[in-house]
Amino acid sequence: MRYFLYISFNGSNFCGWQKQPNGISVQETVEKALEVLFRIPCTIVGAGRTDAGVHAYELPAHADLPQASTSQIMAWQRSLNGILPHDIYIRKIVPVKNNAHARFDAVMRTYKYFVALEQDPFTGPYVLPTHSELNYTAMNEAAKALIGEHDFTSFTKLHNDSKHNRCILYEAYWQPAPYPNCHVFTISANRFLRNMVRTVVGTLLEVGKGKLPTEQIGHILRAENRSFASATAKPHPLFLTKVSYPNDIFL
């Protein structure tokens, strides 16, 4: 029977979500925990591929496991969280239809990126210090140019493995975060390309610093050329916070 595992993780100690030959991934770590619990090899397929150092509050992944009652599923969750390292946590396990796919059935993904005026002991590992005030009004005005369906070649890694670079962006905005001198950027789309969120953030930060005119964002987007956008922002302040699905895939 197929299930969605909703996985939360601190990406600091991992090479990203996807299994890699040169490092420990979140996917590999969860699969090993499932193998310990069920005593058979288990494969999981995630909703996306977060980069090294990126975190997730909730990344769904599907796995085919034995059919079980609600109480047994809750026992699985407790057991897995006892096996997994402290920086990975299974938030819930939900039965879905046998053809449900964590990646291809997703209709929207939301990321958040945190910046702060300065680094402190509590937020340090999870925010980007700006060391100066940013013009968030200008940054929000610039972000509006990204809303809608566009080719995001200018904001993705060169030679990525996507079949195409078109994405539908539903929202992109900055707002104060619930922490002193801290702001958060929220961005939602039907799909994201490799390094896309961090390159968008890096470019908007140039707007906020007054180094890039607000209207330039639209020109960068239409250029469909990676060299037009700014440097990719660091990964550690980035969180995948939600992946949405059609209701009819759930049992």
Protein backbone atom coordinates (compact mmCIF):
# COMPACT_ATOMS: atom_id res chain seq x y z
CA MET A 1 0.00 0.00 0.00
CA ARG A 2 1.26 3.50 -0.78
CA TYR A 3 1.81 6.14 1.88
CA PHE A 4 3.04 9.73 2.01
CA LEU A 5 5.66 10.40 4.67
CA TYR A 6 5.80 14.08 5.64
CA ILE A 7 9.45 14.63 6.49
CA SER A 8 11.00 17.57 8.34
CA PHE A 9 14.77 18.00 8.36
CA ASN A 10 17.63 20.31 9.13
CA GLY A 11 19.75 20.13 5.98
CA SER A 12 23.00 21.37 7.55
CA ASN A 13 24.61 17.92 7.76
CA PHE A 14 23.31 16.49 4.48
CA CYS A 15 24.35 16.73 0.84
CA GLY A 16 20.74 17.45 -0.08
CA TRP A 17 17.60 15.37 -0.39
CA GLN A 18 18.64 13.05 -3.22
CA LYS A 19 21.07 10.17 -2.80
CA GLN A 20 24.61 11.11 -3.82
CA PRO A 21 27.79 9.04 -4.20
CA ASN A 22 29.85 11.58 -2.26
CA GLY A 23 27.77 12.35 0.83
CA ILE A 24 24.92 11.42 3.13
CA SER A 25 21.49 12.49 1.86
CA VAL A 26 18.15 12.79 3.61
CA GLN A 27 16.59 10.27 1.21
CA GLU A 28 19.24 7.65 1.96
CA THR A 29 18.95 8.19 5.72
CA VAL A 30 15.16 7.75 5.74
CA GLU A 31 15.37 4.68 3.50
CA LYS A 32 17.85 3.06 5.91
CA ALA A 33 15.50 3.77 8.83
CA LEU A 34 12.60 2.16 6.93
CA GLU A 35 14.79 -0.87 6.20
CA VAL A 36 15.60 -1.23 9.89
CA LEU A 37 11.90 -1.01 10.81
CA PHE A 38 10.50 -3.32 8.12
CA ARG A 39 13.60 -5.51 7.58
CA ILE A 40 13.32 -5.21 3.80
CA PRO A 41 14.78 -2.65 1.34
CA CYS A 42 12.49 0.39 1.03
CA THR A 43 12.62 3.09 -1.63
CA ILE A 44 11.07 6.53 -1.20
CA VAL A 45 10.37 9.20 -3.83
CA GLY A 46 10.39 12.80 -2.63
CA ALA A 47 8.33 15.78 -3.77
CA GLY A 48 11.51 17.60 -4.81
CA ARG A 49 15.28 17.72 -4.59
CA THR A 50 16.53 20.21 -2.05
CA ASP A 51 20.16 21.31 -2.36
CA ALA A 52 22.87 20.71 0.22
CA GLY A 53 22.27 22.83 3.31
CA VAL A 54 18.61 23.58 2.51
CA HIS A 55 16.01 22.67 5.16
CA ALA A 56 12.44 21.42 5.02
CA TYR A 57 9.59 21.88 7.44
CA GLU A 58 7.52 19.46 5.39
CA LEU A 59 8.77 17.46 2.40
CA PRO A 60 6.37 14.65 1.39
CA ALA A 61 7.79 11.41 0.00
CA HIS A 62 5.89 8.31 -1.08
CA ALA A 63 6.73 4.73 -0.14
CA ASP A 64 5.06 1.35 -0.64
CA LEU A 65 4.65 -0.28 2.79
CA PRO A 66 2.46 -3.00 4.33
CA GLN A 67 -1.22 -2.23 4.77
CA ALA A 68 -1.86 -1.13 8.35
CA SER A 69 -4.40 0.33 10.76
CA THR A 70 -4.26 3.90 11.99
CA SER A 71 -2.72 2.80 15.30
CA GLN A 72 -0.06 0.76 13.50
CA ILE A 73 0.81 3.74 11.29
CA MET A 74 1.24 5.92 14.38
CA ALA A 75 3.49 3.22 15.86
CA TRP A 76 5.58 3.30 12.67
CA GLN A 77 5.95 7.04 13.01
CA ARG A 78 7.16 6.75 16.62
CA SER A 79 9.57 3.94 15.72
CA LEU A 80 11.03 5.77 12.73
CA ASN A 81 11.59 8.91 14.79
CA GLY A 82 13.41 6.76 17.33
CA ILE A 83 15.67 5.34 14.63
CA LEU A 84 16.35 8.54 12.68
CA PRO A 85 19.00 11.08 13.72
CA HIS A 86 17.84 14.17 15.62
CA ASP A 87 17.92 16.37 12.50
CA ILE A 88 15.22 14.36 10.65
CA TYR A 89 11.65 13.97 11.89
CA ILE A 90 8.61 12.23 10.39
CA ARG A 91 5.65 14.56 11.02
CA LYS A 92 2.96 12.18 9.80
CA ILE A 93 2.33 9.14 7.58
CA VAL A 94 -0.79 9.25 5.40
CA PRO A 95 -2.28 6.50 3.19
CA VAL A 96 -2.84 7.51 -0.44
CA LYS A 97 -4.02 5.89 -3.65
CA ASN A 98 -1.58 3.37 -5.09
CA ASN A 99 -0.85 5.55 -8.14
CA ALA A 100 -0.23 8.74 -6.11
CA HIS A 101 3.17 10.29 -6.76
CA ALA A 102 4.84 12.69 -4.32
CA ARG A 103 6.64 14.58 -7.08
CA PHE A 104 4.41 14.48 -10.13
CA ASP A 105 1.07 14.97 -8.34
CA ALA A 106 2.22 18.09 -6.49
CA VAL A 107 0.37 21.21 -7.65
CA MET A 108 2.19 23.84 -5.59
CA ARG A 109 5.40 24.14 -3.59
CA THR A 110 6.22 26.92 -1.12
CA TYR A 111 9.66 28.01 0.08
CA LYS A 112 10.69 30.62 2.63
CA TYR A 113 14.02 32.43 2.82
CA PHE A 114 15.09 34.35 5.94
CA VAL A 115 17.34 37.41 6.17
CA ALA A 116 18.26 39.46 9.23
CA LEU A 117 19.95 42.77 9.80
CA GLU A 118 22.69 41.00 11.74
CA GLN A 119 23.50 37.49 12.85
CA ASP A 120 22.84 36.39 16.42
CA PRO A 121 23.37 33.14 18.36
CA PHE A 122 19.77 32.02 17.94
CA THR A 123 19.06 32.62 14.26
CA GLY A 124 22.63 32.44 12.96
CA PRO A 125 22.44 29.03 11.22
CA TYR A 126 19.13 29.87 9.54
CA VAL A 127 19.30 33.47 8.33
CA LEU A 128 21.41 35.52 5.93
CA PRO A 129 22.83 38.62 7.66
CA THR A 130 22.47 41.72 5.49
CA HIS A 131 24.52 44.09 7.75
CA SER A 132 22.50 47.00 6.37
CA GLU A 133 18.85 47.99 5.90
CA LEU A 134 17.18 46.77 2.71
CA ASN A 135 14.44 48.49 0.73
CA TYR A 136 11.72 45.85 1.03
CA THR A 137 9.18 48.04 -0.79
CA ALA A 138 11.41 48.03 -3.87
CA MET A 139 12.07 44.30 -3.50
CA ASN A 140 8.34 43.54 -3.40
CA GLU A 141 7.71 45.76 -6.41
CA ALA A 142 10.46 43.93 -8.32
CA ALA A 143 9.11 40.52 -7.30
CA LYS A 144 5.75 41.28 -8.92
CA ALA A 145 7.39 40.94 -12.35
CA LEU A 146 8.00 37.25 -11.62
CA ILE A 147 4.36 36.35 -10.96
CA GLY A 148 2.67 34.26 -13.65
CA GLU A 149 3.93 31.72 -16.16
CA HIS A 150 7.42 32.47 -17.47
CA ASP A 151 10.61 30.85 -18.69
CA PHE A 152 12.96 31.08 -15.68
CA THR A 153 16.19 30.21 -17.52
CA SER A 154 17.78 33.41 -16.17
CA PHE A 155 17.26 32.15 -12.60
CA THR A 156 18.37 28.53 -12.83
CA LYS A 157 21.64 26.68 -12.85
CA LEU A 158 23.18 26.30 -16.30
CA HIS A 159 22.81 22.85 -17.87
CA ASN A 160 20.17 21.67 -15.39
CA ASP A 161 18.39 18.39 -16.16
CA SER A 162 14.87 19.86 -16.58
CA LYS A 163 13.04 19.20 -19.84
CA HIS A 164 11.94 22.85 -19.90
CA ASN A 165 12.34 25.96 -17.75
CA ARG A 166 8.76 27.24 -17.66
CA CYS A 167 7.18 27.63 -14.22
CA ILE A 168 3.98 29.22 -12.92
CA LEU A 169 4.79 31.52 -10.02
CA TYR A 170 1.80 32.14 -7.74
CA GLU A 171 3.31 34.42 -5.10
CA ALA A 172 6.60 36.11 -4.26
CA TYR A 173 6.81 38.66 -1.46
CA TRP A 174 8.84 39.88 1.51
CA GLN A 175 7.39 40.54 4.95
CA PRO A 176 8.64 40.97 8.53
CA ALA A 177 9.32 37.65 10.25
CA PRO A 178 8.29 37.01 13.87
CA TYR A 179 11.79 37.78 15.14
CA PRO A 180 13.50 41.17 15.69
CA ASN A 181 15.16 42.69 12.60
CA CYS A 182 14.30 39.63 10.52
CA HIS A 183 12.39 39.39 7.21
CA VAL A 184 11.17 36.38 5.26
CA PHE A 185 10.67 35.90 1.53
CA THR A 186 7.78 33.60 0.56
CA ILE A 187 7.64 32.12 -2.93
CA SER A 188 5.18 29.56 -4.33
CA ALA A 189 5.04 27.90 -7.75
CA ASN A 190 3.88 24.76 -9.47
CA ARG A 191 7.54 23.74 -9.85
CA PHE A 192 11.01 25.11 -9.21
CA LEU A 193 14.24 24.74 -11.15
CA ARG A 194 17.67 23.99 -9.75
CA ASN A 195 18.89 26.96 -7.63
CA MET A 196 15.90 29.02 -8.81
CA VAL A 197 14.70 30.27 -5.42
CA ARG A 198 18.19 31.22 -4.25
CA THR A 199 18.98 33.02 -7.50
CA VAL A 200 15.72 34.97 -7.29
CA VAL A 201 16.61 35.90 -3.69
CA GLY A 202 20.14 36.91 -4.65
CA THR A 203 18.83 39.17 -7.41
CA LEU A 204 16.13 40.77 -5.23
CA LEU A 205 18.74 41.49 -2.57
CA GLU A 206 20.62 43.56 -5.14
CA VAL A 207 17.41 45.54 -5.64
CA GLY A 208 17.07 46.00 -1.89
CA LYS A 209 20.64 47.32 -1.66
CA GLY A 210 19.98 49.86 -4.41
CA LYS A 211 22.43 48.18 -6.79
CA LEU A 212 19.77 47.04 -9.29
CA PRO A 213 16.77 49.07 -10.53
CA THR A 214 13.37 47.60 -9.72
CA GLU A 215 12.31 47.43 -13.36
CA GLN A 216 15.44 45.45 -14.26
CA ILE A 217 13.94 42.22 -12.90
CA GLY A 218 11.53 42.00 -15.84
CA HIS A 219 14.40 42.52 -18.30
CA ILE A 220 16.43 39.77 -16.60
CA LEU A 221 13.48 37.37 -16.78
CA ARG A 222 12.84 38.03 -20.47
CA ALA A 223 16.53 37.68 -21.35
CA GLU A 224 16.42 33.92 -20.55
CA ASN A 225 20.14 34.11 -19.81
CA ARG A 226 21.65 33.11 -16.46
CA SER A 227 24.46 35.66 -16.74
CA PHE A 228 21.92 38.49 -16.40
CA ALA A 229 20.82 37.54 -12.86
CA SER A 230 22.83 38.01 -9.66
CA ALA A 231 24.76 35.47 -7.63
CA THR A 232 22.90 32.59 -6.00
CA ALA A 233 22.13 33.28 -2.33
CA LYS A 234 23.46 30.92 0.34
CA PRO A 235 21.43 27.75 1.06
CA HIS A 236 21.21 27.70 4.87
CA PRO A 237 18.37 30.30 5.23
CA LEU A 238 16.10 28.42 2.77
CA PHE A 239 13.20 26.20 3.91
CA LEU A 240 10.72 24.13 1.93
CA THR A 241 7.59 24.72 3.99
CA LYS A 242 4.66 23.17 2.12
CA VAL A 243 3.78 20.97 -0.86
CA SER A 244 0.12 20.88 -1.94
CA TYR A 245 -1.76 18.05 -3.67
CA PRO A 246 -5.25 17.42 -5.12
CA ASN A 247 -7.58 16.05 -2.44
CA ASP A 248 -8.55 13.04 -4.56
CA ILE A 249 -5.16 11.27 -4.17
CA PHE A 250 -5.79 10.73 -0.45
CA LEU A 251 -7.82 7.85 0.99
